[in-house]
Amino acid sequence: PCIDIHKGKVKQIVGSTLSDTKGNDSTLVTNFESDKS
């Protein structure tokens, strides 16, 4: 099993859309964000 965390939230993100540029989420593709911790 997995738990992927982005900015404190459990999310499922298309990893290849992540960027190292701080604050640059314009190209980020998020499939899911959970309300569970």
PDB file of all heavy atoms in Angstrom:
ATOM      1  N   PRO A   1       0.821  -1.211   0.000  1.00  0.00           N
ATOM      2  CA  PRO A   1       0.000   0.000   0.000  1.00  0.00           C
ATOM      3  C   PRO A   1       0.858   1.266   0.000  1.00  0.00           C
ATOM      4  O   PRO A   1       2.063   1.218   0.286  1.00  0.00           O
ATOM      5  CB  PRO A   1      -0.810  -0.113   1.291  1.00  0.00           C
ATOM      6  CG  PRO A   1       0.063  -0.909   2.203  1.00  0.00           C
ATOM      7  CD  PRO A   1       0.776  -1.901   1.316  1.00  0.00           C
ATOM      8  N   CYS A   2       0.232   2.384  -0.317  1.00  0.00           N
ATOM      9  CA  CYS A   2       0.985   3.638  -0.387  1.00  0.00           C
ATOM     10  C   CYS A   2       0.203   4.776   0.275  1.00  0.00           C
ATOM     11  O   CYS A   2      -1.021   4.721   0.416  1.00  0.00           O
ATOM     12  CB  CYS A   2       1.299   4.007  -1.839  1.00  0.00           C
ATOM     13  SG  CYS A   2      -0.157   4.362  -2.860  1.00  0.00           S
ATOM     14  N   ILE A   3       0.959   5.780   0.693  1.00  0.00           N
ATOM     15  CA  ILE A   3       0.401   7.041   1.188  1.00  0.00           C
ATOM     16  C   ILE A   3       1.255   8.149   0.596  1.00  0.00           C
ATOM     17  O   ILE A   3       2.411   8.325   0.992  1.00  0.00           O
ATOM     18  CB  ILE A   3       0.436   7.131   2.730  1.00  0.00           C
ATOM     19  CG1 ILE A   3      -0.276   5.939   3.376  1.00  0.00           C
ATOM     20  CG2 ILE A   3      -0.198   8.445   3.199  1.00  0.00           C
ATOM     21  CD1 ILE A   3      -0.099   5.872   4.900  1.00  0.00           C
ATOM     22  N   ASP A   4       0.724   8.866  -0.367  1.00  0.00           N
ATOM     23  CA  ASP A   4       1.444   9.985  -0.981  1.00  0.00           C
ATOM     24  C   ASP A   4       0.961  11.287  -0.347  1.00  0.00           C
ATOM     25  O   ASP A   4      -0.252  11.548  -0.272  1.00  0.00           O
ATOM     26  CB  ASP A   4       1.202  10.028  -2.485  1.00  0.00           C
ATOM     27  CG  ASP A   4       1.839   8.848  -3.204  1.00  0.00           C
ATOM     28  OD1 ASP A   4       2.631   8.116  -2.574  1.00  0.00           O
ATOM     29  OD2 ASP A   4       1.550   8.642  -4.407  1.00  0.00           O
ATOM     30  N   ILE A   5       1.911  12.101   0.100  1.00  0.00           N
ATOM     31  CA  ILE A   5       1.569  13.316   0.843  1.00  0.00           C
ATOM     32  C   ILE A   5       2.098  14.537   0.110  1.00  0.00           C
ATOM     33  O   ILE A   5       3.280  14.604  -0.241  1.00  0.00           O
ATOM     34  CB  ILE A   5       2.172  13.268   2.267  1.00  0.00           C
ATOM     35  CG1 ILE A   5       1.682  12.021   3.011  1.00  0.00           C
ATOM     36  CG2 ILE A   5       1.811  14.526   3.043  1.00  0.00           C
ATOM     37  CD1 ILE A   5       2.408  11.776   4.326  1.00  0.00           C
ATOM     38  N   HIS A   6       1.212  15.517  -0.100  1.00  0.00           N
ATOM     39  CA  HIS A   6       1.594  16.770  -0.761  1.00  0.00           C
ATOM     40  C   HIS A   6       1.012  17.921   0.052  1.00  0.00           C
ATOM     41  O   HIS A   6      -0.197  18.007   0.259  1.00  0.00           O
ATOM     42  CB  HIS A   6       1.053  16.798  -2.196  1.00  0.00           C
ATOM     43  CG  HIS A   6       1.427  18.017  -2.967  1.00  0.00           C
ATOM     44  ND1 HIS A   6       0.513  18.997  -3.305  1.00  0.00           N
ATOM     45  CD2 HIS A   6       2.609  18.427  -3.477  1.00  0.00           C
ATOM     46  CE1 HIS A   6       1.114  19.944  -3.993  1.00  0.00           C
ATOM     47  NE2 HIS A   6       2.390  19.622  -4.116  1.00  0.00           N
ATOM     48  N   LYS A   7       1.887  18.768   0.569  1.00  0.00           N
ATOM     49  CA  LYS A   7       1.478  19.905   1.401  1.00  0.00           C
ATOM     50  C   LYS A   7       0.611  19.456   2.571  1.00  0.00           C
ATOM     51  O   LYS A   7      -0.374  20.098   2.931  1.00  0.00           O
ATOM     52  CB  LYS A   7       0.764  20.955   0.557  1.00  0.00           C
ATOM     53  CG  LYS A   7       1.683  21.593  -0.482  1.00  0.00           C
ATOM     54  CD  LYS A   7       1.024  22.719  -1.240  1.00  0.00           C
ATOM     55  CE  LYS A   7       2.014  23.367  -2.214  1.00  0.00           C
ATOM     56  NZ  LYS A   7       1.411  24.453  -3.010  1.00  0.00           N
ATOM     57  N   GLY A   8       0.985  18.326   3.155  1.00  0.00           N
ATOM     58  CA  GLY A   8       0.318  17.817   4.352  1.00  0.00           C
ATOM     59  C   GLY A   8      -0.917  16.986   4.092  1.00  0.00           C
ATOM     60  O   GLY A   8      -1.448  16.373   5.020  1.00  0.00           O
ATOM     61  N   LYS A   9      -1.393  16.934   2.852  1.00  0.00           N
ATOM     62  CA  LYS A   9      -2.607  16.200   2.510  1.00  0.00           C
ATOM     63  C   LYS A   9      -2.269  14.907   1.768  1.00  0.00           C
ATOM     64  O   LYS A   9      -1.308  14.863   0.998  1.00  0.00           O
ATOM     65  CB  LYS A   9      -3.514  17.054   1.622  1.00  0.00           C
ATOM     66  CG  LYS A   9      -3.999  18.342   2.270  1.00  0.00           C
ATOM     67  CD  LYS A   9      -5.045  18.072   3.340  1.00  0.00           C
ATOM     68  CE  LYS A   9      -5.671  19.356   3.850  1.00  0.00           C
ATOM     69  NZ  LYS A   9      -6.711  19.101   4.871  1.00  0.00           N
ATOM     70  N   VAL A  10      -3.087  13.881   1.990  1.00  0.00           N
ATOM     71  CA  VAL A  10      -2.954  12.653   1.217  1.00  0.00           C
ATOM     72  C   VAL A  10      -3.561  12.893  -0.160  1.00  0.00           C
ATOM     73  O   VAL A  10      -4.741  13.244  -0.284  1.00  0.00           O
ATOM     74  CB  VAL A  10      -3.657  11.473   1.910  1.00  0.00           C
ATOM     75  CG1 VAL A  10      -3.611  10.224   1.037  1.00  0.00           C
ATOM     76  CG2 VAL A  10      -3.014  11.193   3.265  1.00  0.00           C
ATOM     77  N   LYS A  11      -2.735  12.719  -1.182  1.00  0.00           N
ATOM     78  CA  LYS A  11      -3.177  12.989  -2.545  1.00  0.00           C
ATOM     79  C   LYS A  11      -2.692  11.897  -3.483  1.00  0.00           C
ATOM     80  O   LYS A  11      -1.772  11.139  -3.165  1.00  0.00           O
ATOM     81  CB  LYS A  11      -2.633  14.339  -3.042  1.00  0.00           C
ATOM     82  CG  LYS A  11      -3.082  15.544  -2.246  1.00  0.00           C
ATOM     83  CD  LYS A  11      -2.515  16.834  -2.847  1.00  0.00           C
ATOM     84  CE  LYS A  11      -2.882  18.061  -2.024  1.00  0.00           C
ATOM     85  NZ  LYS A  11      -2.321  19.308  -2.602  1.00  0.00           N
ATOM     86  N   GLN A  12      -3.318  11.833  -4.628  1.00  0.00           N
ATOM     87  CA  GLN A  12      -2.822  11.035  -5.747  1.00  0.00           C
ATOM     88  C   GLN A  12      -2.555  12.006  -6.891  1.00  0.00           C
ATOM     89  O   GLN A  12      -3.475  12.642  -7.408  1.00  0.00           O
ATOM     90  CB  GLN A  12      -3.820   9.962  -6.150  1.00  0.00           C
ATOM     91  CG  GLN A  12      -3.867   8.778  -5.202  1.00  0.00           C
ATOM     92  CD  GLN A  12      -2.584   7.981  -5.218  1.00  0.00           C
ATOM     93  OE1 GLN A  12      -2.092   7.569  -6.266  1.00  0.00           O
ATOM     94  NE2 GLN A  12      -2.014   7.759  -4.029  1.00  0.00           N
ATOM     95  N   ILE A  13      -1.284  12.133  -7.239  1.00  0.00           N
ATOM     96  CA  ILE A  13      -0.833  13.102  -8.238  1.00  0.00           C
ATOM     97  C   ILE A  13      -0.125  12.370  -9.362  1.00  0.00           C
ATOM     98  O   ILE A  13       0.577  11.373  -9.126  1.00  0.00           O
ATOM     99  CB  ILE A  13       0.121  14.129  -7.590  1.00  0.00           C
ATOM    100  CG1 ILE A  13      -0.663  15.024  -6.620  1.00  0.00           C
ATOM    101  CG2 ILE A  13       0.841  14.981  -8.629  1.00  0.00           C
ATOM    102  CD1 ILE A  13       0.208  15.936  -5.784  1.00  0.00           C
ATOM    103  N   VAL A  14      -0.314  12.816 -10.583  1.00  0.00           N
ATOM    104  CA  VAL A  14       0.471  12.294 -11.696  1.00  0.00           C
ATOM    105  C   VAL A  14       1.902  12.779 -11.489  1.00  0.00           C
ATOM    106  O   VAL A  14       2.204  13.964 -11.641  1.00  0.00           O
ATOM    107  CB  VAL A  14      -0.077  12.761 -13.054  1.00  0.00           C
ATOM    108  CG1 VAL A  14       0.789  12.222 -14.196  1.00  0.00           C
ATOM    109  CG2 VAL A  14      -1.519  12.295 -13.228  1.00  0.00           C
ATOM    110  N   GLY A  15       2.775  11.857 -11.079  1.00  0.00           N
ATOM    111  CA  GLY A  15       4.108  12.230 -10.619  1.00  0.00           C
ATOM    112  C   GLY A  15       4.914  13.014 -11.621  1.00  0.00           C
ATOM    113  O   GLY A  15       5.706  13.896 -11.254  1.00  0.00           O
ATOM    114  N   SER A  16       4.742  12.724 -12.903  1.00  0.00           N
ATOM    115  CA  SER A  16       5.532  13.400 -13.925  1.00  0.00           C
ATOM    116  C   SER A  16       5.151  14.868 -14.087  1.00  0.00           C
ATOM    117  O   SER A  16       5.835  15.616 -14.787  1.00  0.00           O
ATOM    118  CB  SER A  16       5.383  12.678 -15.272  1.00  0.00           C
ATOM    119  OG  SER A  16       4.021  12.622 -15.663  1.00  0.00           O
ATOM    120  N   THR A  17       4.053  15.316 -13.407  1.00  0.00           N
ATOM    121  CA  THR A  17       3.653  16.724 -13.495  1.00  0.00           C
ATOM    122  C   THR A  17       4.165  17.546 -12.319  1.00  0.00           C
ATOM    123  O   THR A  17       3.930  18.747 -12.258  1.00  0.00           O
ATOM    124  CB  THR A  17       2.117  16.860 -13.555  1.00  0.00           C
ATOM    125  OG1 THR A  17       1.541  16.424 -12.308  1.00  0.00           O
ATOM    126  CG2 THR A  17       1.536  16.025 -14.689  1.00  0.00           C
ATOM    127  N   LEU A  18       4.862  16.887 -11.371  1.00  0.00           N
ATOM    128  CA  LEU A  18       5.447  17.618 -10.250  1.00  0.00           C
ATOM    129  C   LEU A  18       6.600  18.486 -10.743  1.00  0.00           C
ATOM    130  O   LEU A  18       7.293  18.152 -11.700  1.00  0.00           O
ATOM    131  CB  LEU A  18       5.976  16.643  -9.192  1.00  0.00           C
ATOM    132  CG  LEU A  18       4.919  15.959  -8.322  1.00  0.00           C
ATOM    133  CD1 LEU A  18       5.517  14.746  -7.633  1.00  0.00           C
ATOM    134  CD2 LEU A  18       4.359  16.935  -7.298  1.00  0.00           C
ATOM    135  N   SER A  19       6.791  19.612 -10.061  1.00  0.00           N
ATOM    136  CA  SER A  19       7.855  20.533 -10.442  1.00  0.00           C
ATOM    137  C   SER A  19       8.704  20.875  -9.234  1.00  0.00           C
ATOM    138  O   SER A  19       8.214  20.939  -8.109  1.00  0.00           O
ATOM    139  CB  SER A  19       7.267  21.824 -11.030  1.00  0.00           C
ATOM    140  OG  SER A  19       8.275  22.799 -11.207  1.00  0.00           O
ATOM    141  N   ASP A  20       9.999  21.095  -9.464  1.00  0.00           N
ATOM    142  CA  ASP A  20      10.888  21.507  -8.385  1.00  0.00           C
ATOM    143  C   ASP A  20      10.816  23.003  -8.124  1.00  0.00           C
ATOM    144  O   ASP A  20      11.356  23.496  -7.146  1.00  0.00           O
ATOM    145  CB  ASP A  20      12.340  21.148  -8.730  1.00  0.00           C
ATOM    146  CG  ASP A  20      12.700  19.758  -8.235  1.00  0.00           C
ATOM    147  OD1 ASP A  20      12.043  19.290  -7.296  1.00  0.00           O
ATOM    148  OD2 ASP A  20      13.623  19.156  -8.793  1.00  0.00           O
ATOM    149  N   THR A  21      10.140  23.726  -9.009  1.00  0.00           N
ATOM    150  CA  THR A  21      10.031  25.175  -8.848  1.00  0.00           C
ATOM    151  C   THR A  21       9.088  25.492  -7.698  1.00  0.00           C
ATOM    152  O   THR A  21       7.921  25.102  -7.714  1.00  0.00           O
ATOM    153  CB  THR A  21       9.505  25.845 -10.133  1.00  0.00           C
ATOM    154  OG1 THR A  21      10.342  25.455 -11.215  1.00  0.00           O
ATOM    155  CG2 THR A  21       9.515  27.346  -9.987  1.00  0.00           C
ATOM    156  N   LYS A  22       9.593  26.206  -6.699  1.00  0.00           N
ATOM    157  CA  LYS A  22       8.806  26.477  -5.498  1.00  0.00           C
ATOM    158  C   LYS A  22       7.561  27.287  -5.835  1.00  0.00           C
ATOM    159  O   LYS A  22       7.621  28.315  -6.503  1.00  0.00           O
ATOM    160  CB  LYS A  22       9.663  27.237  -4.481  1.00  0.00           C
ATOM    161  CG  LYS A  22       9.205  27.061  -3.057  1.00  0.00           C
ATOM    162  CD  LYS A  22      10.252  27.569  -2.081  1.00  0.00           C
ATOM    163  CE  LYS A  22       9.843  27.265  -0.662  1.00  0.00           C
ATOM    164  NZ  LYS A  22      10.863  27.700   0.304  1.00  0.00           N
ATOM    165  N   GLY A  23       6.407  26.778  -5.391  1.00  0.00           N
ATOM    166  CA  GLY A  23       5.160  27.494  -5.585  1.00  0.00           C
ATOM    167  C   GLY A  23       4.564  27.339  -6.972  1.00  0.00           C
ATOM    168  O   GLY A  23       3.513  27.898  -7.272  1.00  0.00           O
ATOM    169  N   ASN A  24       5.221  26.567  -7.834  1.00  0.00           N
ATOM    170  CA  ASN A  24       4.719  26.405  -9.195  1.00  0.00           C
ATOM    171  C   ASN A  24       3.885  25.140  -9.292  1.00  0.00           C
ATOM    172  O   ASN A  24       4.405  24.048  -9.511  1.00  0.00           O
ATOM    173  CB  ASN A  24       5.888  26.346 -10.189  1.00  0.00           C
ATOM    174  CG  ASN A  24       5.403  26.169 -11.627  1.00  0.00           C
ATOM    175  OD1 ASN A  24       4.251  26.468 -11.925  1.00  0.00           O
ATOM    176  ND2 ASN A  24       6.288  25.691 -12.486  1.00  0.00           N
ATOM    177  N   ASP A  25       2.584  25.270  -9.098  1.00  0.00           N
ATOM    178  CA  ASP A  25       1.671  24.134  -9.212  1.00  0.00           C
ATOM    179  C   ASP A  25       0.793  24.238 -10.441  1.00  0.00           C
ATOM    180  O   ASP A  25      -0.204  23.525 -10.562  1.00  0.00           O
ATOM    181  CB  ASP A  25       0.778  24.053  -7.958  1.00  0.00           C
ATOM    182  CG  ASP A  25       1.573  23.613  -6.731  1.00  0.00           C
ATOM    183  OD1 ASP A  25       2.651  23.027  -6.915  1.00  0.00           O
ATOM    184  OD2 ASP A  25       1.111  23.877  -5.606  1.00  0.00           O
ATOM    185  N   SER A  26       1.153  25.105 -11.367  1.00  0.00           N
ATOM    186  CA  SER A  26       0.295  25.358 -12.520  1.00  0.00           C
ATOM    187  C   SER A  26       0.159  24.136 -13.417  1.00  0.00           C
ATOM    188  O   SER A  26      -0.860  23.966 -14.093  1.00  0.00           O
ATOM    189  CB  SER A  26       0.846  26.546 -13.327  1.00  0.00           C
ATOM    190  OG  SER A  26       2.161  26.279 -13.777  1.00  0.00           O
ATOM    191  N   THR A  27       1.179  23.276 -13.450  1.00  0.00           N
ATOM    192  CA  THR A  27       1.118  22.089 -14.309  1.00  0.00           C
ATOM    193  C   THR A  27       0.768  20.826 -13.534  1.00  0.00           C
ATOM    194  O   THR A  27       0.725  19.739 -14.108  1.00  0.00           O
ATOM    195  CB  THR A  27       2.471  21.881 -15.013  1.00  0.00           C
ATOM    196  OG1 THR A  27       3.495  21.683 -14.018  1.00  0.00           O
ATOM    197  CG2 THR A  27       2.825  23.078 -15.869  1.00  0.00           C
ATOM    198  N   LEU A  28       0.520  20.961 -12.241  1.00  0.00           N
ATOM    199  CA  LEU A  28       0.263  19.803 -11.390  1.00  0.00           C
ATOM    200  C   LEU A  28      -1.085  19.175 -11.722  1.00  0.00           C
ATOM    201  O   LEU A  28      -2.107  19.861 -11.780  1.00  0.00           O
ATOM    202  CB  LEU A  28       0.285  20.232  -9.926  1.00  0.00           C
ATOM    203  CG  LEU A  28       0.346  19.127  -8.881  1.00  0.00           C
ATOM    204  CD1 LEU A  28       1.678  18.407  -8.944  1.00  0.00           C
ATOM    205  CD2 LEU A  28       0.140  19.720  -7.485  1.00  0.00           C
ATOM    206  N   VAL A  29      -1.087  17.864 -11.936  1.00  0.00           N
ATOM    207  CA  VAL A  29      -2.322  17.121 -12.192  1.00  0.00           C
ATOM    208  C   VAL A  29      -2.626  16.270 -10.967  1.00  0.00           C
ATOM    209  O   VAL A  29      -1.900  15.321 -10.653  1.00  0.00           O
ATOM    210  CB  VAL A  29      -2.205  16.235 -13.439  1.00  0.00           C
ATOM    211  CG1 VAL A  29      -3.480  15.421 -13.633  1.00  0.00           C
ATOM    212  CG2 VAL A  29      -1.910  17.070 -14.673  1.00  0.00           C
ATOM    213  N   THR A  30      -3.689  16.636 -10.243  1.00  0.00           N
ATOM    214  CA  THR A  30      -4.085  15.927  -9.023  1.00  0.00           C
ATOM    215  C   THR A  30      -5.300  15.068  -9.314  1.00  0.00           C
ATOM    216  O   THR A  30      -6.359  15.571  -9.693  1.00  0.00           O
ATOM    217  CB  THR A  30      -4.407  16.915  -7.888  1.00  0.00           C
ATOM    218  OG1 THR A  30      -3.252  17.725  -7.630  1.00  0.00           O
ATOM    219  CG2 THR A  30      -4.797  16.176  -6.620  1.00  0.00           C
ATOM    220  N   ASN A  31      -5.138  13.752  -9.143  1.00  0.00           N
ATOM    221  CA  ASN A  31      -6.251  12.836  -9.365  1.00  0.00           C
ATOM    222  C   ASN A  31      -7.204  12.780  -8.179  1.00  0.00           C
ATOM    223  O   ASN A  31      -8.398  12.522  -8.340  1.00  0.00           O
ATOM    224  CB  ASN A  31      -5.719  11.423  -9.649  1.00  0.00           C
ATOM    225  CG  ASN A  31      -5.074  11.288 -11.012  1.00  0.00           C
ATOM    226  OD1 ASN A  31      -5.414  12.007 -11.949  1.00  0.00           O
ATOM    227  ND2 ASN A  31      -4.120  10.365 -11.128  1.00  0.00           N
ATOM    228  N   PHE A  32      -6.659  13.030  -6.972  1.00  0.00           N
ATOM    229  CA  PHE A  32      -7.478  12.840  -5.775  1.00  0.00           C
ATOM    230  C   PHE A  32      -6.833  13.533  -4.594  1.00  0.00           C
ATOM    231  O   PHE A  32      -5.601  13.534  -4.454  1.00  0.00           O
ATOM    232  CB  PHE A  32      -7.612  11.337  -5.480  1.00  0.00           C
ATOM    233  CG  PHE A  32      -8.349  11.012  -4.203  1.00  0.00           C
ATOM    234  CD1 PHE A  32      -9.727  11.084  -4.137  1.00  0.00           C
ATOM    235  CD2 PHE A  32      -7.653  10.616  -3.066  1.00  0.00           C
ATOM    236  CE1 PHE A  32     -10.405  10.774  -2.959  1.00  0.00           C
ATOM    237  CE2 PHE A  32      -8.315  10.311  -1.885  1.00  0.00           C
ATOM    238  CZ  PHE A  32      -9.692  10.388  -1.838  1.00  0.00           C
ATOM    239  N   GLU A  33      -7.661  14.141  -3.752  1.00  0.00           N
ATOM    240  CA  GLU A  33      -7.206  14.685  -2.474  1.00  0.00           C
ATOM    241  C   GLU A  33      -8.146  14.193  -1.389  1.00  0.00           C
ATOM    242  O   GLU A  33      -9.367  14.362  -1.487  1.00  0.00           O
ATOM    243  CB  GLU A  33      -7.168  16.207  -2.487  1.00  0.00           C
ATOM    244  CG  GLU A  33      -6.713  16.809  -1.165  1.00  0.00           C
ATOM    245  CD  GLU A  33      -6.548  18.321  -1.208  1.00  0.00           C
ATOM    246  OE1 GLU A  33      -6.301  18.868  -2.301  1.00  0.00           O
ATOM    247  OE2 GLU A  33      -6.670  18.959  -0.138  1.00  0.00           O
ATOM    248  N   SER A  34      -7.598  13.573  -0.351  1.00  0.00           N
ATOM    249  CA  SER A  34      -8.408  12.932   0.675  1.00  0.00           C
ATOM    250  C   SER A  34      -8.695  13.875   1.834  1.00  0.00           C
ATOM    251  O   SER A  34      -7.898  14.766   2.149  1.00  0.00           O
ATOM    252  CB  SER A  34      -7.682  11.686   1.199  1.00  0.00           C
ATOM    253  OG  SER A  34      -8.456  11.057   2.210  1.00  0.00           O
ATOM    254  N   ASP A  35      -9.834  13.644   2.496  1.00  0.00           N
ATOM    255  CA  ASP A  35     -10.111  14.356   3.729  1.00  0.00           C
ATOM    256  C   ASP A  35      -9.670  13.534   4.939  1.00  0.00           C
ATOM    257  O   ASP A  35      -9.850  13.937   6.081  1.00  0.00           O
ATOM    258  CB  ASP A  35     -11.600  14.703   3.845  1.00  0.00           C
ATOM    259  CG  ASP A  35     -12.506  13.472   3.816  1.00  0.00           C
ATOM    260  OD1 ASP A  35     -11.989  12.348   3.610  1.00  0.00           O
ATOM    261  OD2 ASP A  35     -13.726  13.629   3.991  1.00  0.00           O
ATOM    262  N   LYS A  36      -9.073  12.361   4.673  1.00  0.00           N
ATOM    263  CA  LYS A  36      -8.509  11.533   5.728  1.00  0.00           C
ATOM    264  C   LYS A  36      -7.029  11.863   5.888  1.00  0.00           C
ATOM    265  O   LYS A  36      -6.351  12.230   4.943  1.00  0.00           O
ATOM    266  CB  LYS A  36      -8.649  10.043   5.395  1.00  0.00           C
ATOM    267  CG  LYS A  36     -10.045   9.605   4.998  1.00  0.00           C
ATOM    268  CD  LYS A  36     -11.039   9.777   6.124  1.00  0.00           C
ATOM    269  CE  LYS A  36     -12.410   9.271   5.666  1.00  0.00           C
ATOM    270  NZ  LYS A  36     -13.504   9.876   6.432  1.00  0.00           N
ATOM    271  N   SER A  37      -6.524  11.694   7.098  1.00  0.00           N
ATOM    272  CA  SER A  37      -5.121  11.969   7.356  1.00  0.00           C
ATOM    273  C   SER A  37      -4.249  10.787   6.948  1.00  0.00           C
ATOM    274  O   SER A  37      -4.727   9.659   6.783  1.00  0.00           O
ATOM    275  CB  SER A  37      -4.911  12.258   8.844  1.00  0.00           C
ATOM    276  OG  SER A  37      -5.081  11.071   9.609  1.00  0.00           O
TER     277      SER A  37
END
